[in-house]
Amino acid sequence: MGMWSLGLGAVGAAIAGIILANTDFLLTKPAPATVQYLGNADLKTIDSDEKTLKAKALWEKSGAVIMAVRRPG
């Protein structure tokens, strides 16, 4: 009976590992960014003359929408 329970425990651990690795049950949910937070972000140009401006100013001037995603790692 000991070998069967060891094998059953290994199979159960493998199934639980596969389920937890492929789902987000244990991950915290990200907080959505507010318009005030995004509008206060500093944007830098990538030209030779580096200028910094606020995202809100770019939105008011041209209606541009910018999305930047920062991935960990």
C-alpha atoms as a PDB file:
ATOM      1  CA  MET A   1       0.000   0.000   0.000  1.00  0.00           C
ATOM      2  CA  GLY A   2       2.938   2.359   0.637  1.00  0.00           C
ATOM      3  CA  MET A   3       4.099   2.314  -2.964  1.00  0.00           C
ATOM      4  CA  TRP A   4       0.593   3.082  -4.237  1.00  0.00           C
ATOM      5  CA  SER A   5       0.188   6.074  -1.947  1.00  0.00           C
ATOM      6  CA  LEU A   6       3.629   7.379  -2.925  1.00  0.00           C
ATOM      7  CA  GLY A   7       2.773   7.045  -6.614  1.00  0.00           C
ATOM      8  CA  LEU A   8      -0.631   8.647  -6.120  1.00  0.00           C
ATOM      9  CA  GLY A   9       0.969  11.532  -4.215  1.00  0.00           C
ATOM     10  CA  ALA A  10       3.503  12.064  -7.012  1.00  0.00           C
ATOM     11  CA  VAL A  11       0.761  12.099  -9.652  1.00  0.00           C
ATOM     12  CA  GLY A  12      -1.304  14.511  -7.555  1.00  0.00           C
ATOM     13  CA  ALA A  13       1.676  16.817  -7.060  1.00  0.00           C
ATOM     14  CA  ALA A  14       2.411  16.764 -10.791  1.00  0.00           C
ATOM     15  CA  ILE A  15      -1.193  17.634 -11.667  1.00  0.00           C
ATOM     16  CA  ALA A  16      -1.286  20.419  -9.068  1.00  0.00           C
ATOM     17  CA  GLY A  17       2.009  21.780 -10.386  1.00  0.00           C
ATOM     18  CA  ILE A  18       0.749  21.835 -13.960  1.00  0.00           C
ATOM     19  CA  ILE A  19      -2.480  23.586 -12.952  1.00  0.00           C
ATOM     20  CA  LEU A  20      -0.717  26.213 -10.821  1.00  0.00           C
ATOM     21  CA  ALA A  21       1.958  26.857 -13.459  1.00  0.00           C
ATOM     22  CA  ASN A  22      -0.613  27.548 -16.173  1.00  0.00           C
ATOM     23  CA  THR A  23      -3.143  29.623 -14.245  1.00  0.00           C
ATOM     24  CA  ASP A  24      -3.017  32.829 -12.221  1.00  0.00           C
ATOM     25  CA  PHE A  25      -4.772  31.615  -9.067  1.00  0.00           C
ATOM     26  CA  LEU A  26      -1.988  32.745  -6.748  1.00  0.00           C
ATOM     27  CA  LEU A  27      -0.998  35.966  -8.549  1.00  0.00           C
ATOM     28  CA  THR A  28      -2.093  39.361  -7.293  1.00  0.00           C
ATOM     29  CA  LYS A  29      -4.289  41.354  -9.618  1.00  0.00           C
ATOM     30  CA  PRO A  30      -2.678  44.506 -11.062  1.00  0.00           C
ATOM     31  CA  ALA A  31      -4.190  47.860 -10.195  1.00  0.00           C
ATOM     32  CA  PRO A  32      -5.441  49.829 -13.203  1.00  0.00           C
ATOM     33  CA  ALA A  33      -3.564  53.052 -13.923  1.00  0.00           C
ATOM     34  CA  THR A  34      -5.531  56.264 -13.438  1.00  0.00           C
ATOM     35  CA  VAL A  35      -5.698  59.084 -15.968  1.00  0.00           C
ATOM     36  CA  GLN A  36      -4.014  61.435 -13.497  1.00  0.00           C
ATOM     37  CA  TYR A  37      -1.093  59.040 -13.030  1.00  0.00           C
ATOM     38  CA  LEU A  38      -0.632  58.496 -16.767  1.00  0.00           C
ATOM     39  CA  GLY A  39      -0.951  62.209 -17.516  1.00  0.00           C
ATOM     40  CA  ASN A  40       1.827  62.987 -15.063  1.00  0.00           C
ATOM     41  CA  ALA A  41       4.282  60.588 -16.745  1.00  0.00           C
ATOM     42  CA  ASP A  42       7.454  62.087 -18.203  1.00  0.00           C
ATOM     43  CA  LEU A  43       8.023  61.378 -21.890  1.00  0.00           C
ATOM     44  CA  LYS A  44      11.430  61.799 -23.499  1.00  0.00           C
ATOM     45  CA  THR A  45      12.115  62.225 -27.198  1.00  0.00           C
ATOM     46  CA  ILE A  46      14.547  59.894 -28.912  1.00  0.00           C
ATOM     47  CA  ASP A  47      15.909  62.515 -31.306  1.00  0.00           C
ATOM     48  CA  SER A  48      19.326  64.100 -31.050  1.00  0.00           C
ATOM     49  CA  ASP A  49      17.771  67.003 -29.110  1.00  0.00           C
ATOM     50  CA  GLU A  50      16.369  65.278 -26.049  1.00  0.00           C
ATOM     51  CA  LYS A  51      13.275  67.030 -24.745  1.00  0.00           C
ATOM     52  CA  THR A  52      11.105  65.974 -21.821  1.00  0.00           C
ATOM     53  CA  LEU A  53       7.395  66.676 -21.666  1.00  0.00           C
ATOM     54  CA  LYS A  54       4.392  65.487 -19.726  1.00  0.00           C
ATOM     55  CA  ALA A  55       2.043  62.969 -21.320  1.00  0.00           C
ATOM     56  CA  LYS A  56      -0.922  65.240 -20.551  1.00  0.00           C
ATOM     57  CA  ALA A  57       0.600  68.020 -22.671  1.00  0.00           C
ATOM     58  CA  LEU A  58       1.046  65.665 -25.626  1.00  0.00           C
ATOM     59  CA  TRP A  59      -2.554  64.493 -25.298  1.00  0.00           C
ATOM     60  CA  GLU A  60      -3.905  68.064 -25.181  1.00  0.00           C
ATOM     61  CA  LYS A  61      -1.755  69.169 -28.122  1.00  0.00           C
ATOM     62  CA  SER A  62      -2.290  66.351 -30.623  1.00  0.00           C
ATOM     63  CA  GLY A  63      -4.642  63.775 -29.093  1.00  0.00           C
ATOM     64  CA  ALA A  64      -1.897  61.142 -29.193  1.00  0.00           C
ATOM     65  CA  VAL A  65      -2.306  58.015 -27.132  1.00  0.00           C
ATOM     66  CA  ILE A  66       0.848  56.278 -25.945  1.00  0.00           C
ATOM     67  CA  MET A  67       1.059  52.880 -24.354  1.00  0.00           C
ATOM     68  CA  ALA A  68       4.228  51.716 -22.670  1.00  0.00           C
ATOM     69  CA  VAL A  69       4.492  48.301 -21.102  1.00  0.00           C
ATOM     70  CA  ARG A  70       7.256  47.478 -18.677  1.00  0.00           C
ATOM     71  CA  ARG A  71       7.836  43.810 -18.180  1.00  0.00           C
ATOM     72  CA  PRO A  72       9.718  42.603 -15.148  1.00  0.00           C
ATOM     73  CA  GLY A  73      13.077  41.002 -15.672  1.00  0.00           C
END
